[in-house]
Amino acid sequence: MDTHQPRDYGLPELPTDPSAVPGCSHCLSFSVSRENARSRGDYSAVSDANVELRQHQTEAHAS
């Protein structure tokens, strides 16, 4: 009988993906690119799309 409990290594949670601003075609384009990359298993491109979307939102949608 195995009495060992799984260890909690305290891994940080992944940041959530930024959401597209409704009505913004640029946001939508970055979001679609991200989902296409995710469907291909290209997680580097997923990360790149998130960075681009966050940068776009900072520049175009900052209030």
PDB file of N, CA and C in Angstrom:
ATOM      1  N   MET A   1       0.842  -1.179   0.000  1.00  0.00           N
ATOM      2  CA  MET A   1       0.000   0.000   0.000  1.00  0.00           C
ATOM      3  C   MET A   1       0.890   1.246   0.000  1.00  0.00           C
ATOM      4  N   ASP A   2       0.642   2.152  -0.956  1.00  0.00           N
ATOM      5  CA  ASP A   2       1.441   3.365  -1.097  1.00  0.00           C
ATOM      6  C   ASP A   2       0.807   4.486  -0.276  1.00  0.00           C
ATOM      7  N   THR A   3       1.515   4.955   0.743  1.00  0.00           N
ATOM      8  CA  THR A   3       0.978   6.009   1.607  1.00  0.00           C
ATOM      9  C   THR A   3       1.562   7.373   1.284  1.00  0.00           C
ATOM     10  N   HIS A   4       2.348   7.451   0.229  1.00  0.00           N
ATOM     11  CA  HIS A   4       2.941   8.734  -0.140  1.00  0.00           C
ATOM     12  C   HIS A   4       1.890   9.660  -0.742  1.00  0.00           C
ATOM     13  N   GLN A   5       1.923  10.883  -0.283  1.00  0.00           N
ATOM     14  CA  GLN A   5       1.012  11.899  -0.810  1.00  0.00           C
ATOM     15  C   GLN A   5       1.742  12.692  -1.890  1.00  0.00           C
ATOM     16  N   PRO A   6       1.013  13.169  -2.908  1.00  0.00           N
ATOM     17  CA  PRO A   6       1.665  14.005  -3.914  1.00  0.00           C
ATOM     18  C   PRO A   6       2.200  15.282  -3.272  1.00  0.00           C
ATOM     19  N   ARG A   7       3.330  15.711  -3.746  1.00  0.00           N
ATOM     20  CA  ARG A   7       3.935  16.925  -3.211  1.00  0.00           C
ATOM     21  C   ARG A   7       3.390  18.145  -3.934  1.00  0.00           C
ATOM     22  N   ASP A   8       3.258  19.205  -3.173  1.00  0.00           N
ATOM     23  CA  ASP A   8       2.861  20.484  -3.750  1.00  0.00           C
ATOM     24  C   ASP A   8       4.139  21.281  -3.972  1.00  0.00           C
ATOM     25  N   TYR A   9       4.510  21.433  -5.224  1.00  0.00           N
ATOM     26  CA  TYR A   9       5.744  22.140  -5.547  1.00  0.00           C
ATOM     27  C   TYR A   9       5.548  23.640  -5.661  1.00  0.00           C
ATOM     28  N   GLY A  10       4.342  24.114  -5.464  1.00  0.00           N
ATOM     29  CA  GLY A  10       4.092  25.546  -5.458  1.00  0.00           C
ATOM     30  C   GLY A  10       4.311  26.210  -6.798  1.00  0.00           C
ATOM     31  N   LEU A  11       3.983  25.511  -7.861  1.00  0.00           N
ATOM     32  CA  LEU A  11       4.138  26.114  -9.173  1.00  0.00           C
ATOM     33  C   LEU A  11       3.152  27.267  -9.335  1.00  0.00           C
ATOM     34  N   PRO A  12       3.615  28.375  -9.899  1.00  0.00           N
ATOM     35  CA  PRO A  12       2.702  29.518 -10.071  1.00  0.00           C
ATOM     36  C   PRO A  12       1.658  29.210 -11.129  1.00  0.00           C
ATOM     37  N   GLU A  13       0.517  29.843 -10.987  1.00  0.00           N
ATOM     38  CA  GLU A  13      -0.520  29.691 -12.001  1.00  0.00           C
ATOM     39  C   GLU A  13      -0.125  30.482 -13.238  1.00  0.00           C
ATOM     40  N   LEU A  14      -0.506  29.964 -14.378  1.00  0.00           N
ATOM     41  CA  LEU A  14      -0.226  30.676 -15.621  1.00  0.00           C
ATOM     42  C   LEU A  14      -1.098  31.920 -15.694  1.00  0.00           C
ATOM     43  N   PRO A  15      -0.568  33.007 -16.241  1.00  0.00           N
ATOM     44  CA  PRO A  15      -1.405  34.202 -16.390  1.00  0.00           C
ATOM     45  C   PRO A  15      -2.531  33.923 -17.383  1.00  0.00           C
ATOM     46  N   THR A  16      -3.637  34.580 -17.161  1.00  0.00           N
ATOM     47  CA  THR A  16      -4.762  34.392 -18.070  1.00  0.00           C
ATOM     48  C   THR A  16      -4.493  35.132 -19.377  1.00  0.00           C
ATOM     49  N   ASP A  17      -5.080  34.627 -20.449  1.00  0.00           N
ATOM     50  CA  ASP A  17      -4.963  35.287 -21.746  1.00  0.00           C
ATOM     51  C   ASP A  17      -5.732  36.598 -21.715  1.00  0.00           C
ATOM     52  N   PRO A  18      -5.169  37.649 -22.305  1.00  0.00           N
ATOM     53  CA  PRO A  18      -5.933  38.898 -22.381  1.00  0.00           C
ATOM     54  C   PRO A  18      -7.129  38.722 -23.313  1.00  0.00           C
ATOM     55  N   SER A  19      -8.194  39.422 -23.026  1.00  0.00           N
ATOM     56  CA  SER A  19      -9.404  39.351 -23.842  1.00  0.00           C
ATOM     57  C   SER A  19      -9.427  40.491 -24.850  1.00  0.00           C
ATOM     58  N   ALA A  20     -10.036  40.228 -25.979  1.00  0.00           N
ATOM     59  CA  ALA A  20     -10.196  41.256 -27.001  1.00  0.00           C
ATOM     60  C   ALA A  20     -11.193  42.302 -26.515  1.00  0.00           C
ATOM     61  N   VAL A  21     -10.916  43.556 -26.847  1.00  0.00           N
ATOM     62  CA  VAL A  21     -11.864  44.625 -26.559  1.00  0.00           C
ATOM     63  C   VAL A  21     -12.981  44.522 -27.594  1.00  0.00           C
ATOM     64  N   PRO A  22     -14.229  44.441 -27.149  1.00  0.00           N
ATOM     65  CA  PRO A  22     -15.337  44.310 -28.103  1.00  0.00           C
ATOM     66  C   PRO A  22     -15.315  45.415 -29.163  1.00  0.00           C
ATOM     67  N   GLY A  23     -15.476  45.009 -30.405  1.00  0.00           N
ATOM     68  CA  GLY A  23     -15.547  45.956 -31.512  1.00  0.00           C
ATOM     69  C   GLY A  23     -14.202  46.360 -32.091  1.00  0.00           C
ATOM     70  N   CYS A  24     -13.096  45.871 -31.524  1.00  0.00           N
ATOM     71  CA  CYS A  24     -11.773  46.239 -32.030  1.00  0.00           C
ATOM     72  C   CYS A  24     -11.248  45.131 -32.940  1.00  0.00           C
ATOM     73  N   SER A  25     -11.090  45.457 -34.211  1.00  0.00           N
ATOM     74  CA  SER A  25     -10.634  44.451 -35.171  1.00  0.00           C
ATOM     75  C   SER A  25      -9.190  44.034 -34.914  1.00  0.00           C
ATOM     76  N   HIS A  26      -8.373  44.924 -34.373  1.00  0.00           N
ATOM     77  CA  HIS A  26      -6.978  44.568 -34.072  1.00  0.00           C
ATOM     78  C   HIS A  26      -6.928  43.544 -32.932  1.00  0.00           C
ATOM     79  N   CYS A  27      -7.693  43.786 -31.894  1.00  0.00           N
ATOM     80  CA  CYS A  27      -7.767  42.834 -30.785  1.00  0.00           C
ATOM     81  C   CYS A  27      -8.252  41.473 -31.281  1.00  0.00           C
ATOM     82  N   LEU A  28      -9.280  41.507 -32.098  1.00  0.00           N
ATOM     83  CA  LEU A  28      -9.832  40.263 -32.632  1.00  0.00           C
ATOM     84  C   LEU A  28      -8.782  39.513 -33.449  1.00  0.00           C
ATOM     85  N   SER A  29      -8.025  40.227 -34.251  1.00  0.00           N
ATOM     86  CA  SER A  29      -6.985  39.603 -35.065  1.00  0.00           C
ATOM     87  C   SER A  29      -5.938  38.912 -34.201  1.00  0.00           C
ATOM     88  N   PHE A  30      -5.480  39.590 -33.134  1.00  0.00           N
ATOM     89  CA  PHE A  30      -4.508  38.971 -32.235  1.00  0.00           C
ATOM     90  C   PHE A  30      -5.102  37.743 -31.544  1.00  0.00           C
ATOM     91  N   SER A  31      -6.369  37.826 -31.158  1.00  0.00           N
ATOM     92  CA  SER A  31      -7.031  36.705 -30.482  1.00  0.00           C
ATOM     93  C   SER A  31      -7.174  35.501 -31.410  1.00  0.00           C
ATOM     94  N   VAL A  32      -7.524  35.759 -32.653  1.00  0.00           N
ATOM     95  CA  VAL A  32      -7.663  34.669 -33.636  1.00  0.00           C
ATOM     96  C   VAL A  32      -6.297  34.038 -33.902  1.00  0.00           C
ATOM     97  N   SER A  33      -5.270  34.871 -34.053  1.00  0.00           N
ATOM     98  CA  SER A  33      -3.907  34.344 -34.257  1.00  0.00           C
ATOM     99  C   SER A  33      -3.483  33.462 -33.086  1.00  0.00           C
ATOM    100  N   ARG A  34      -3.815  33.901 -31.883  1.00  0.00           N
ATOM    101  CA  ARG A  34      -3.465  33.127 -30.688  1.00  0.00           C
ATOM    102  C   ARG A  34      -4.161  31.777 -30.700  1.00  0.00           C
ATOM    103  N   GLU A  35      -5.448  31.760 -31.006  1.00  0.00           N
ATOM    104  CA  GLU A  35      -6.184  30.494 -30.996  1.00  0.00           C
ATOM    105  C   GLU A  35      -5.725  29.565 -32.120  1.00  0.00           C
ATOM    106  N   ASN A  36      -5.384  30.128 -33.272  1.00  0.00           N
ATOM    107  CA  ASN A  36      -4.833  29.307 -34.359  1.00  0.00           C
ATOM    108  C   ASN A  36      -3.512  28.683 -33.937  1.00  0.00           C
ATOM    109  N   ALA A  37      -2.658  29.469 -33.297  1.00  0.00           N
ATOM    110  CA  ALA A  37      -1.372  28.952 -32.815  1.00  0.00           C
ATOM    111  C   ALA A  37      -1.589  27.860 -31.774  1.00  0.00           C
ATOM    112  N   ARG A  38      -2.538  28.083 -30.866  1.00  0.00           N
ATOM    113  CA  ARG A  38      -2.824  27.083 -29.832  1.00  0.00           C
ATOM    114  C   ARG A  38      -3.304  25.774 -30.470  1.00  0.00           C
ATOM    115  N   SER A  39      -4.124  25.880 -31.516  1.00  0.00           N
ATOM    116  CA  SER A  39      -4.636  24.671 -32.168  1.00  0.00           C
ATOM    117  C   SER A  39      -3.525  23.894 -32.875  1.00  0.00           C
ATOM    118  N   ARG A  40      -2.438  24.594 -33.255  1.00  0.00           N
ATOM    119  CA  ARG A  40      -1.287  23.938 -33.892  1.00  0.00           C
ATOM    120  C   ARG A  40      -0.291  23.419 -32.851  1.00  0.00           C
ATOM    121  N   GLY A  41      -0.508  23.791 -31.601  1.00  0.00           N
ATOM    122  CA  GLY A  41       0.426  23.405 -30.558  1.00  0.00           C
ATOM    123  C   GLY A  41       1.658  24.296 -30.527  1.00  0.00           C
ATOM    124  N   ASP A  42       1.582  25.475 -31.139  1.00  0.00           N
ATOM    125  CA  ASP A  42       2.704  26.418 -31.205  1.00  0.00           C
ATOM    126  C   ASP A  42       2.565  27.415 -30.056  1.00  0.00           C
ATOM    127  N   TYR A  43       3.013  27.007 -28.868  1.00  0.00           N
ATOM    128  CA  TYR A  43       2.802  27.819 -27.678  1.00  0.00           C
ATOM    129  C   TYR A  43       3.712  29.045 -27.628  1.00  0.00           C
ATOM    130  N   SER A  44       4.792  29.026 -28.380  1.00  0.00           N
ATOM    131  CA  SER A  44       5.617  30.223 -28.506  1.00  0.00           C
ATOM    132  C   SER A  44       4.830  31.314 -29.228  1.00  0.00           C
ATOM    133  N   ALA A  45       4.126  30.937 -30.292  1.00  0.00           N
ATOM    134  CA  ALA A  45       3.293  31.896 -31.023  1.00  0.00           C
ATOM    135  C   ALA A  45       2.099  32.343 -30.179  1.00  0.00           C
ATOM    136  N   VAL A  46       1.577  31.469 -29.324  1.00  0.00           N
ATOM    137  CA  VAL A  46       0.499  31.850 -28.401  1.00  0.00           C
ATOM    138  C   VAL A  46       1.005  32.961 -27.489  1.00  0.00           C
ATOM    139  N   SER A  47       2.186  32.765 -26.928  1.00  0.00           N
ATOM    140  CA  SER A  47       2.776  33.768 -26.053  1.00  0.00           C
ATOM    141  C   SER A  47       3.028  35.072 -26.805  1.00  0.00           C
ATOM    142  N   ASP A  48       3.546  34.972 -28.024  1.00  0.00           N
ATOM    143  CA  ASP A  48       3.799  36.169 -28.832  1.00  0.00           C
ATOM    144  C   ASP A  48       2.512  36.948 -29.078  1.00  0.00           C
ATOM    145  N   ALA A  49       1.427  36.243 -29.402  1.00  0.00           N
ATOM    146  CA  ALA A  49       0.147  36.903 -29.663  1.00  0.00           C
ATOM    147  C   ALA A  49      -0.364  37.590 -28.396  1.00  0.00           C
ATOM    148  N   ASN A  50      -0.161  36.962 -27.240  1.00  0.00           N
ATOM    149  CA  ASN A  50      -0.577  37.583 -25.977  1.00  0.00           C
ATOM    150  C   ASN A  50       0.206  38.859 -25.713  1.00  0.00           C
ATOM    151  N   VAL A  51       1.506  38.814 -25.975  1.00  0.00           N
ATOM    152  CA  VAL A  51       2.340  40.008 -25.784  1.00  0.00           C
ATOM    153  C   VAL A  51       1.876  41.120 -26.720  1.00  0.00           C
ATOM    154  N   GLU A  52       1.646  40.780 -27.978  1.00  0.00           N
ATOM    155  CA  GLU A  52       1.198  41.793 -28.943  1.00  0.00           C
ATOM    156  C   GLU A  52      -0.163  42.362 -28.563  1.00  0.00           C
ATOM    157  N   LEU A  53      -1.063  41.503 -28.107  1.00  0.00           N
ATOM    158  CA  LEU A  53      -2.394  41.969 -27.713  1.00  0.00           C
ATOM    159  C   LEU A  53      -2.306  42.888 -26.496  1.00  0.00           C
ATOM    160  N   ARG A  54      -1.505  42.515 -25.515  1.00  0.00           N
ATOM    161  CA  ARG A  54      -1.350  43.382 -24.338  1.00  0.00           C
ATOM    162  C   ARG A  54      -0.740  44.727 -24.719  1.00  0.00           C
ATOM    163  N   GLN A  55       0.267  44.697 -25.589  1.00  0.00           N
ATOM    164  CA  GLN A  55       0.898  45.945 -26.020  1.00  0.00           C
ATOM    165  C   GLN A  55      -0.102  46.813 -26.783  1.00  0.00           C
ATOM    166  N   HIS A  56      -0.860  46.207 -27.673  1.00  0.00           N
ATOM    167  CA  HIS A  56      -1.878  46.948 -28.430  1.00  0.00           C
ATOM    168  C   HIS A  56      -2.889  47.561 -27.470  1.00  0.00           C
ATOM    169  N   GLN A  57      -3.347  46.795 -26.489  1.00  0.00           N
ATOM    170  CA  GLN A  57      -4.349  47.305 -25.553  1.00  0.00           C
ATOM    171  C   GLN A  57      -3.799  48.464 -24.737  1.00  0.00           C
ATOM    172  N   THR A  58      -2.532  48.395 -24.361  1.00  0.00           N
ATOM    173  CA  THR A  58      -1.912  49.484 -23.623  1.00  0.00           C
ATOM    174  C   THR A  58      -1.862  50.751 -24.467  1.00  0.00           C
ATOM    175  N   GLU A  59      -1.498  50.586 -25.730  1.00  0.00           N
ATOM    176  CA  GLU A  59      -1.360  51.741 -26.614  1.00  0.00           C
ATOM    177  C   GLU A  59      -2.700  52.300 -27.111  1.00  0.00           C
ATOM    178  N   ALA A  60      -3.633  51.417 -27.419  1.00  0.00           N
ATOM    179  CA  ALA A  60      -4.877  51.853 -28.064  1.00  0.00           C
ATOM    180  C   ALA A  60      -6.059  51.975 -27.120  1.00  0.00           C
ATOM    181  N   HIS A  61      -6.049  51.262 -26.017  1.00  0.00           N
ATOM    182  CA  HIS A  61      -7.241  51.204 -25.168  1.00  0.00           C
ATOM    183  C   HIS A  61      -6.985  51.664 -23.739  1.00  0.00           C
ATOM    184  N   ALA A  62      -5.805  52.173 -23.461  1.00  0.00           N
ATOM    185  CA  ALA A  62      -5.516  52.620 -22.093  1.00  0.00           C
ATOM    186  C   ALA A  62      -6.418  53.796 -21.738  1.00  0.00           C
ATOM    187  N   SER A  63      -6.941  53.748 -20.547  1.00  0.00           N
ATOM    188  CA  SER A  63      -7.832  54.836 -20.146  1.00  0.00           C
ATOM    189  C   SER A  63      -7.234  55.658 -19.036  1.00  0.00           C
TER     190      SER A  63
END
